[in-house]
């Protein structure tokens, strides 16, 4: 039973996809769904997709609470990047 629940959590963690929203012509904000251990790989992949010629990270916010900064979910870290395309 323990392995089944662990497998379910791993599959659930793989379903998290970051989203990018446009701030202005070359600036985007990338919100990462909660990722275990705070990996920034989803942000990097989306930033490379949005800005194929390169990007610069202007701001990075990291928090351990839920996306609404109120409820606490153990083991997940939310990151928000503000990037500018080169």
PDB file of N, CA and C in Angstrom:
ATOM      1  N   UNK A   1       0.823  -1.194   0.000  1.00  0.00           N
ATOM      2  CA  UNK A   1       0.000   0.000   0.000  1.00  0.00           C
ATOM      3  C   UNK A   1       0.869   1.261   0.000  1.00  0.00           C
ATOM      4  N   UNK A   2       1.974   1.181   0.708  1.00  0.00           N
ATOM      5  CA  UNK A   2       2.858   2.334   0.789  1.00  0.00           C
ATOM      6  C   UNK A   2       3.457   2.668  -0.575  1.00  0.00           C
ATOM      7  N   UNK A   3       3.829   1.651  -1.347  1.00  0.00           N
ATOM      8  CA  UNK A   3       4.411   1.905  -2.662  1.00  0.00           C
ATOM      9  C   UNK A   3       3.376   2.473  -3.634  1.00  0.00           C
ATOM     10  N   UNK A   4       2.132   2.051  -3.491  1.00  0.00           N
ATOM     11  CA  UNK A   4       1.078   2.574  -4.357  1.00  0.00           C
ATOM     12  C   UNK A   4       0.864   4.064  -4.076  1.00  0.00           C
ATOM     13  N   UNK A   5       0.828   4.443  -2.812  1.00  0.00           N
ATOM     14  CA  UNK A   5       0.628   5.854  -2.482  1.00  0.00           C
ATOM     15  C   UNK A   5       1.846   6.688  -2.886  1.00  0.00           C
ATOM     16  N   UNK A   6       3.046   6.130  -2.756  1.00  0.00           N
ATOM     17  CA  UNK A   6       4.244   6.840  -3.187  1.00  0.00           C
ATOM     18  C   UNK A   6       4.246   7.030  -4.701  1.00  0.00           C
ATOM     19  N   UNK A   7       3.849   6.016  -5.437  1.00  0.00           N
ATOM     20  CA  UNK A   7       3.758   6.115  -6.887  1.00  0.00           C
ATOM     21  C   UNK A   7       2.724   7.166  -7.288  1.00  0.00           C
ATOM     22  N   UNK A   8       1.599   7.218  -6.599  1.00  0.00           N
ATOM     23  CA  UNK A   8       0.574   8.218  -6.885  1.00  0.00           C
ATOM     24  C   UNK A   8       1.119   9.628  -6.661  1.00  0.00           C
ATOM     25  N   UNK A   9       1.867   9.850  -5.591  1.00  0.00           N
ATOM     26  CA  UNK A   9       2.426  11.172  -5.326  1.00  0.00           C
ATOM     27  C   UNK A   9       3.457  11.574  -6.384  1.00  0.00           C
ATOM     28  N   UNK A  10       4.254  10.631  -6.835  1.00  0.00           N
ATOM     29  CA  UNK A  10       5.238  10.927  -7.877  1.00  0.00           C
ATOM     30  C   UNK A  10       4.532  11.290  -9.182  1.00  0.00           C
ATOM     31  N   UNK A  11       3.488  10.563  -9.541  1.00  0.00           N
ATOM     32  CA  UNK A  11       2.738  10.874 -10.753  1.00  0.00           C
ATOM     33  C   UNK A  11       2.023  12.216 -10.635  1.00  0.00           C
ATOM     34  N   UNK A  12       1.511  12.517  -9.462  1.00  0.00           N
ATOM     35  CA  UNK A  12       0.838  13.789  -9.239  1.00  0.00           C
ATOM     36  C   UNK A  12       1.817  14.946  -9.334  1.00  0.00           C
ATOM     37  N   UNK A  13       3.021  14.769  -8.837  1.00  0.00           N
ATOM     38  CA  UNK A  13       4.034  15.818  -8.919  1.00  0.00           C
ATOM     39  C   UNK A  13       4.458  16.063 -10.360  1.00  0.00           C
ATOM     40  N   UNK A  14       4.397  15.064 -11.201  1.00  0.00           N
ATOM     41  CA  UNK A  14       4.759  15.231 -12.595  1.00  0.00           C
ATOM     42  C   UNK A  14       3.712  15.956 -13.416  1.00  0.00           C
ATOM     43  N   UNK A  15       2.496  16.118 -12.878  1.00  0.00           N
ATOM     44  CA  UNK A  15       1.422  16.777 -13.612  1.00  0.00           C
ATOM     45  C   UNK A  15       1.432  18.287 -13.447  1.00  0.00           C
ATOM     46  N   UNK A  16       2.306  18.806 -12.639  1.00  0.00           N
ATOM     47  CA  UNK A  16       2.347  20.244 -12.386  1.00  0.00           C
ATOM     48  C   UNK A  16       3.002  20.931 -13.567  1.00  0.00           C
ATOM     49  N   UNK A  17       2.315  21.902 -14.132  1.00  0.00           N
ATOM     50  CA  UNK A  17       2.888  22.658 -15.236  1.00  0.00           C
ATOM     51  C   UNK A  17       2.902  24.134 -14.877  1.00  0.00           C
ATOM     52  N   UNK A  18       3.975  24.813 -15.155  1.00  0.00           N
ATOM     53  CA  UNK A  18       4.029  26.243 -14.889  1.00  0.00           C
ATOM     54  C   UNK A  18       3.219  27.014 -15.926  1.00  0.00           C
ATOM     55  N   UNK A  19       2.861  28.228 -15.587  1.00  0.00           N
ATOM     56  CA  UNK A  19       2.128  29.069 -16.527  1.00  0.00           C
ATOM     57  C   UNK A  19       2.845  30.406 -16.657  1.00  0.00           C
ATOM     58  N   UNK A  20       2.806  30.969 -17.854  1.00  0.00           N
ATOM     59  CA  UNK A  20       3.449  32.255 -18.107  1.00  0.00           C
ATOM     60  C   UNK A  20       2.385  33.279 -18.457  1.00  0.00           C
ATOM     61  N   UNK A  21       2.515  34.454 -17.882  1.00  0.00           N
ATOM     62  CA  UNK A  21       1.613  35.548 -18.223  1.00  0.00           C
ATOM     63  C   UNK A  21       2.453  36.749 -18.663  1.00  0.00           C
ATOM     64  N   UNK A  22       1.972  37.426 -19.670  1.00  0.00           N
ATOM     65  CA  UNK A  22       2.706  38.556 -20.257  1.00  0.00           C
ATOM     66  C   UNK A  22       2.469  39.809 -19.425  1.00  0.00           C
ATOM     67  N   UNK A  23       3.569  40.481 -19.053  1.00  0.00           N
ATOM     68  CA  UNK A  23       3.479  41.743 -18.331  1.00  0.00           C
ATOM     69  C   UNK A  23       3.562  42.900 -19.326  1.00  0.00           C
ATOM     70  N   UNK A  24       4.537  42.873 -20.214  1.00  0.00           N
ATOM     71  CA  UNK A  24       4.612  43.820 -21.324  1.00  0.00           C
ATOM     72  C   UNK A  24       5.190  43.086 -22.536  1.00  0.00           C
ATOM     73  N   UNK A  25       5.700  43.815 -23.502  1.00  0.00           N
ATOM     74  CA  UNK A  25       6.108  43.201 -24.770  1.00  0.00           C
ATOM     75  C   UNK A  25       7.171  42.124 -24.608  1.00  0.00           C
ATOM     76  N   UNK A  26       8.142  42.318 -23.720  1.00  0.00           N
ATOM     77  CA  UNK A  26       9.230  41.344 -23.562  1.00  0.00           C
ATOM     78  C   UNK A  26       9.343  40.787 -22.153  1.00  0.00           C
ATOM     79  N   UNK A  27       8.432  41.124 -21.258  1.00  0.00           N
ATOM     80  CA  UNK A  27       8.516  40.701 -19.858  1.00  0.00           C
ATOM     81  C   UNK A  27       7.385  39.725 -19.547  1.00  0.00           C
ATOM     82  N   UNK A  28       7.742  38.628 -18.899  1.00  0.00           N
ATOM     83  CA  UNK A  28       6.776  37.592 -18.552  1.00  0.00           C
ATOM     84  C   UNK A  28       6.924  37.236 -17.081  1.00  0.00           C
ATOM     85  N   UNK A  29       5.823  36.759 -16.496  1.00  0.00           N
ATOM     86  CA  UNK A  29       5.860  36.224 -15.135  1.00  0.00           C
ATOM     87  C   UNK A  29       5.510  34.751 -15.220  1.00  0.00           C
ATOM     88  N   UNK A  30       6.376  33.913 -14.683  1.00  0.00           N
ATOM     89  CA  UNK A  30       6.184  32.465 -14.723  1.00  0.00           C
ATOM     90  C   UNK A  30       5.846  31.999 -13.317  1.00  0.00           C
ATOM     91  N   UNK A  31       4.665  31.407 -13.169  1.00  0.00           N
ATOM     92  CA  UNK A  31       4.227  30.848 -11.891  1.00  0.00           C
ATOM     93  C   UNK A  31       4.361  29.344 -11.965  1.00  0.00           C
ATOM     94  N   UNK A  32       5.131  28.801 -11.060  1.00  0.00           N
ATOM     95  CA  UNK A  32       5.380  27.375 -11.014  1.00  0.00           C
ATOM     96  C   UNK A  32       4.422  26.763 -10.010  1.00  0.00           C
ATOM     97  N   UNK A  33       3.701  25.723 -10.398  1.00  0.00           N
ATOM     98  CA  UNK A  33       2.914  24.987  -9.434  1.00  0.00           C
ATOM     99  C   UNK A  33       3.856  24.351  -8.428  1.00  0.00           C
ATOM    100  N   UNK A  34       3.392  23.982  -7.275  1.00  0.00           N
ATOM    101  CA  UNK A  34       4.253  23.435  -6.246  1.00  0.00           C
ATOM    102  C   UNK A  34       5.064  22.256  -6.734  1.00  0.00           C
ATOM    103  N   UNK A  35       6.363  22.343  -6.589  1.00  0.00           N
ATOM    104  CA  UNK A  35       7.266  21.281  -7.020  1.00  0.00           C
ATOM    105  C   UNK A  35       8.038  20.799  -5.796  1.00  0.00           C
ATOM    106  N   UNK A  36       8.150  19.500  -5.657  1.00  0.00           N
ATOM    107  CA  UNK A  36       8.906  18.942  -4.544  1.00  0.00           C
ATOM    108  C   UNK A  36      10.366  19.347  -4.646  1.00  0.00           C
ATOM    109  N   UNK A  37      10.958  19.683  -3.540  1.00  0.00           N
ATOM    110  CA  UNK A  37      12.371  20.050  -3.425  1.00  0.00           C
ATOM    111  C   UNK A  37      12.747  21.331  -4.148  1.00  0.00           C
ATOM    112  N   UNK A  38      11.774  22.100  -4.611  1.00  0.00           N
ATOM    113  CA  UNK A  38      12.048  23.409  -5.171  1.00  0.00           C
ATOM    114  C   UNK A  38      12.835  23.431  -6.457  1.00  0.00           C
ATOM    115  N   UNK A  39      12.625  22.494  -7.322  1.00  0.00           N
ATOM    116  CA  UNK A  39      13.338  22.470  -8.591  1.00  0.00           C
ATOM    117  C   UNK A  39      12.921  23.655  -9.445  1.00  0.00           C
ATOM    118  N   UNK A  40      13.888  24.259 -10.128  1.00  0.00           N
ATOM    119  CA  UNK A  40      13.568  25.373 -11.024  1.00  0.00           C
ATOM    120  C   UNK A  40      13.555  24.930 -12.480  1.00  0.00           C
ATOM    121  N   UNK A  41      13.653  23.651 -12.738  1.00  0.00           N
ATOM    122  CA  UNK A  41      13.666  23.144 -14.111  1.00  0.00           C
ATOM    123  C   UNK A  41      12.388  23.468 -14.880  1.00  0.00           C
ATOM    124  N   UNK A  42      11.179  23.358 -14.285  1.00  0.00           N
ATOM    125  CA  UNK A  42       9.980  23.740 -15.054  1.00  0.00           C
ATOM    126  C   UNK A  42      10.008  25.205 -15.474  1.00  0.00           C
ATOM    127  N   UNK A  43      10.509  26.090 -14.617  1.00  0.00           N
ATOM    128  CA  UNK A  43      10.612  27.500 -14.976  1.00  0.00           C
ATOM    129  C   UNK A  43      11.595  27.697 -16.123  1.00  0.00           C
ATOM    130  N   UNK A  44      12.719  27.015 -16.078  1.00  0.00           N
ATOM    131  CA  UNK A  44      13.711  27.152 -17.146  1.00  0.00           C
ATOM    132  C   UNK A  44      13.178  26.663 -18.483  1.00  0.00           C
ATOM    133  N   UNK A  45      12.473  25.525 -18.467  1.00  0.00           N
ATOM    134  CA  UNK A  45      11.921  24.989 -19.719  1.00  0.00           C
ATOM    135  C   UNK A  45      10.895  25.939 -20.318  1.00  0.00           C
ATOM    136  N   UNK A  46      10.007  26.486 -19.494  1.00  0.00           N
ATOM    137  CA  UNK A  46       9.002  27.407 -20.010  1.00  0.00           C
ATOM    138  C   UNK A  46       9.644  28.715 -20.459  1.00  0.00           C
ATOM    139  N   UNK A  47      10.644  29.199 -19.744  1.00  0.00           N
ATOM    140  CA  UNK A  47      11.328  30.437 -20.135  1.00  0.00           C
ATOM    141  C   UNK A  47      12.018  30.262 -21.475  1.00  0.00           C
ATOM    142  N   UNK A  48      12.617  29.101 -21.712  1.00  0.00           N
ATOM    143  CA  UNK A  48      13.263  28.850 -23.004  1.00  0.00           C
ATOM    144  C   UNK A  48      12.246  28.720 -24.126  1.00  0.00           C
ATOM    145  N   UNK A  49      11.043  28.252 -23.808  1.00  0.00           N
ATOM    146  CA  UNK A  49       9.999  28.139 -24.814  1.00  0.00           C
ATOM    147  C   UNK A  49       9.428  29.519 -25.149  1.00  0.00           C
ATOM    148  N   UNK A  50       9.255  30.372 -24.130  1.00  0.00           N
ATOM    149  CA  UNK A  50       8.692  31.708 -24.338  1.00  0.00           C
ATOM    150  C   UNK A  50       9.712  32.634 -24.990  1.00  0.00           C
ATOM    151  N   UNK A  51      10.968  32.521 -24.595  1.00  0.00           N
ATOM    152  CA  UNK A  51      12.044  33.381 -25.116  1.00  0.00           C
ATOM    153  C   UNK A  51      13.110  32.512 -25.780  1.00  0.00           C
ATOM    154  N   UNK A  52      12.930  32.138 -27.040  1.00  0.00           N
ATOM    155  CA  UNK A  52      13.889  31.227 -27.689  1.00  0.00           C
ATOM    156  C   UNK A  52      15.279  31.831 -27.895  1.00  0.00           C
ATOM    157  N   UNK A  53      15.401  33.151 -27.910  1.00  0.00           N
ATOM    158  CA  UNK A  53      16.710  33.781 -28.110  1.00  0.00           C
ATOM    159  C   UNK A  53      17.433  34.081 -26.805  1.00  0.00           C
ATOM    160  N   UNK A  54      16.873  33.683 -25.687  1.00  0.00           N
ATOM    161  CA  UNK A  54      17.494  33.891 -24.386  1.00  0.00           C
ATOM    162  C   UNK A  54      16.632  34.768 -23.492  1.00  0.00           C
ATOM    163  N   UNK A  55      16.919  34.741 -22.203  1.00  0.00           N
ATOM    164  CA  UNK A  55      16.151  35.498 -21.228  1.00  0.00           C
ATOM    165  C   UNK A  55      17.045  35.867 -20.060  1.00  0.00           C
ATOM    166  N   UNK A  56      16.570  36.808 -19.274  1.00  0.00           N
ATOM    167  CA  UNK A  56      17.261  37.210 -18.047  1.00  0.00           C
ATOM    168  C   UNK A  56      16.229  37.205 -16.933  1.00  0.00           C
ATOM    169  N   UNK A  57      16.557  36.610 -15.787  1.00  0.00           N
ATOM    170  CA  UNK A  57      15.651  36.577 -14.650  1.00  0.00           C
ATOM    171  C   UNK A  57      15.761  37.910 -13.910  1.00  0.00           C
ATOM    172  N   UNK A  58      14.658  38.648 -13.855  1.00  0.00           N
ATOM    173  CA  UNK A  58      14.650  39.929 -13.161  1.00  0.00           C
ATOM    174  C   UNK A  58      14.351  39.766 -11.679  1.00  0.00           C
ATOM    175  N   UNK A  59      13.457  38.840 -11.354  1.00  0.00           N
ATOM    176  CA  UNK A  59      13.049  38.640  -9.963  1.00  0.00           C
ATOM    177  C   UNK A  59      12.653  37.187  -9.766  1.00  0.00           C
ATOM    178  N   UNK A  60      12.981  36.646  -8.613  1.00  0.00           N
ATOM    179  CA  UNK A  60      12.601  35.275  -8.264  1.00  0.00           C
ATOM    180  C   UNK A  60      12.052  35.280  -6.844  1.00  0.00           C
ATOM    181  N   UNK A  61      10.829  34.786  -6.694  1.00  0.00           N
ATOM    182  CA  UNK A  61      10.194  34.686  -5.389  1.00  0.00           C
ATOM    183  C   UNK A  61       9.967  33.217  -5.080  1.00  0.00           C
ATOM    184  N   UNK A  62      10.403  32.785  -3.904  1.00  0.00           N
ATOM    185  CA  UNK A  62      10.269  31.393  -3.490  1.00  0.00           C
ATOM    186  C   UNK A  62       9.531  31.366  -2.164  1.00  0.00           C
ATOM    187  N   UNK A  63       8.484  30.526  -2.068  1.00  0.00           N
ATOM    188  CA  UNK A  63       7.791  30.360  -0.787  1.00  0.00           C
ATOM    189  C   UNK A  63       7.357  28.920  -0.615  1.00  0.00           C
ATOM    190  N   UNK A  64       7.262  28.517   0.617  1.00  0.00           N
ATOM    191  CA  UNK A  64       6.972  27.125   0.946  1.00  0.00           C
ATOM    192  C   UNK A  64       5.501  26.877   1.250  1.00  0.00           C
ATOM    193  N   UNK A  65       4.708  27.898   1.399  1.00  0.00           N
ATOM    194  CA  UNK A  65       3.281  27.715   1.630  1.00  0.00           C
ATOM    195  C   UNK A  65       2.577  27.450   0.320  1.00  0.00           C
ATOM    196  N   UNK A  66       1.272  27.273   0.375  1.00  0.00           N
ATOM    197  CA  UNK A  66       0.497  27.015  -0.825  1.00  0.00           C
ATOM    198  C   UNK A  66       0.478  28.224  -1.742  1.00  0.00           C
ATOM    199  N   UNK A  67      -0.167  28.092  -2.888  1.00  0.00           N
ATOM    200  CA  UNK A  67      -0.169  29.185  -3.854  1.00  0.00           C
ATOM    201  C   UNK A  67      -0.857  30.442  -3.332  1.00  0.00           C
ATOM    202  N   UNK A  68      -1.748  30.307  -2.369  1.00  0.00           N
ATOM    203  CA  UNK A  68      -2.410  31.484  -1.813  1.00  0.00           C
ATOM    204  C   UNK A  68      -1.693  32.008  -0.562  1.00  0.00           C
ATOM    205  N   UNK A  69      -0.503  31.482  -0.272  1.00  0.00           N
ATOM    206  CA  UNK A  69       0.343  31.883   0.850  1.00  0.00           C
ATOM    207  C   UNK A  69      -0.319  31.679   2.204  1.00  0.00           C
ATOM    208  N   UNK A  70      -1.378  30.886   2.278  1.00  0.00           N
ATOM    209  CA  UNK A  70      -2.061  30.684   3.542  1.00  0.00           C
ATOM    210  C   UNK A  70      -1.933  29.253   4.034  1.00  0.00           C
ATOM    211  N   UNK A  71      -2.372  28.304   3.230  1.00  0.00           N
ATOM    212  CA  UNK A  71      -2.321  26.925   3.701  1.00  0.00           C
ATOM    213  C   UNK A  71      -0.922  26.365   3.516  1.00  0.00           C
ATOM    214  N   UNK A  72      -0.552  25.462   4.353  1.00  0.00           N
ATOM    215  CA  UNK A  72       0.777  24.879   4.293  1.00  0.00           C
ATOM    216  C   UNK A  72       0.680  23.463   3.746  1.00  0.00           C
ATOM    217  N   UNK A  73       1.433  23.191   2.703  1.00  0.00           N
ATOM    218  CA  UNK A  73       1.523  21.842   2.159  1.00  0.00           C
ATOM    219  C   UNK A  73       2.977  21.427   2.244  1.00  0.00           C
ATOM    220  N   UNK A  74       3.262  20.406   2.993  1.00  0.00           N
ATOM    221  CA  UNK A  74       4.636  19.993   3.248  1.00  0.00           C
ATOM    222  C   UNK A  74       5.282  19.406   2.004  1.00  0.00           C
ATOM    223  N   UNK A  75       6.546  19.771   1.809  1.00  0.00           N
ATOM    224  CA  UNK A  75       7.328  19.171   0.751  1.00  0.00           C
ATOM    225  C   UNK A  75       7.274  19.879  -0.588  1.00  0.00           C
ATOM    226  N   UNK A  76       6.398  20.866  -0.754  1.00  0.00           N
ATOM    227  CA  UNK A  76       6.295  21.556  -2.034  1.00  0.00           C
ATOM    228  C   UNK A  76       6.770  22.990  -1.895  1.00  0.00           C
ATOM    229  N   UNK A  77       7.426  23.472  -2.932  1.00  0.00           N
ATOM    230  CA  UNK A  77       7.938  24.842  -2.945  1.00  0.00           C
ATOM    231  C   UNK A  77       7.423  25.514  -4.206  1.00  0.00           C
ATOM    232  N   UNK A  78       6.850  26.711  -4.050  1.00  0.00           N
ATOM    233  CA  UNK A  78       6.322  27.481  -5.171  1.00  0.00           C
ATOM    234  C   UNK A  78       7.325  28.555  -5.539  1.00  0.00           C
ATOM    235  N   UNK A  79       7.580  28.721  -6.827  1.00  0.00           N
ATOM    236  CA  UNK A  79       8.491  29.776  -7.282  1.00  0.00           C
ATOM    237  C   UNK A  79       7.784  30.619  -8.329  1.00  0.00           C
ATOM    238  N   UNK A  80       8.105  31.884  -8.340  1.00  0.00           N
ATOM    239  CA  UNK A  80       7.596  32.822  -9.340  1.00  0.00           C
ATOM    240  C   UNK A  80       8.786  33.573  -9.908  1.00  0.00           C
ATOM    241  N   UNK A  81       8.935  33.525 -11.220  1.00  0.00           N
ATOM    242  CA  UNK A  81      10.006  34.246 -11.897  1.00  0.00           C
ATOM    243  C   UNK A  81       9.413  35.375 -12.704  1.00  0.00           C
ATOM    244  N   UNK A  82      10.116  36.502 -12.734  1.00  0.00           N
ATOM    245  CA  UNK A  82       9.836  37.573 -13.680  1.00  0.00           C
ATOM    246  C   UNK A  82      11.039  37.616 -14.610  1.00  0.00           C
ATOM    247  N   UNK A  83      10.779  37.371 -15.900  1.00  0.00           N
ATOM    248  CA  UNK A  83      11.883  37.295 -16.872  1.00  0.00           C
ATOM    249  C   UNK A  83      11.694  38.338 -17.970  1.00  0.00           C
ATOM    250  N   UNK A  84      12.784  38.698 -18.606  1.00  0.00           N
ATOM    251  CA  UNK A  84      12.763  39.595 -19.765  1.00  0.00           C
ATOM    252  C   UNK A  84      13.489  38.901 -20.906  1.00  0.00           C
ATOM    253  N   UNK A  85      12.835  38.857 -22.061  1.00  0.00           N
ATOM    254  CA  UNK A  85      13.453  38.250 -23.245  1.00  0.00           C
ATOM    255  C   UNK A  85      14.540  39.159 -23.782  1.00  0.00           C
ATOM    256  N   UNK A  86      15.623  38.554 -24.264  1.00  0.00           N
ATOM    257  CA  UNK A  86      16.732  39.324 -24.830  1.00  0.00           C
ATOM    258  C   UNK A  86      16.476  39.639 -26.297  1.00  0.00           C
TER     259      UNK A  86
END
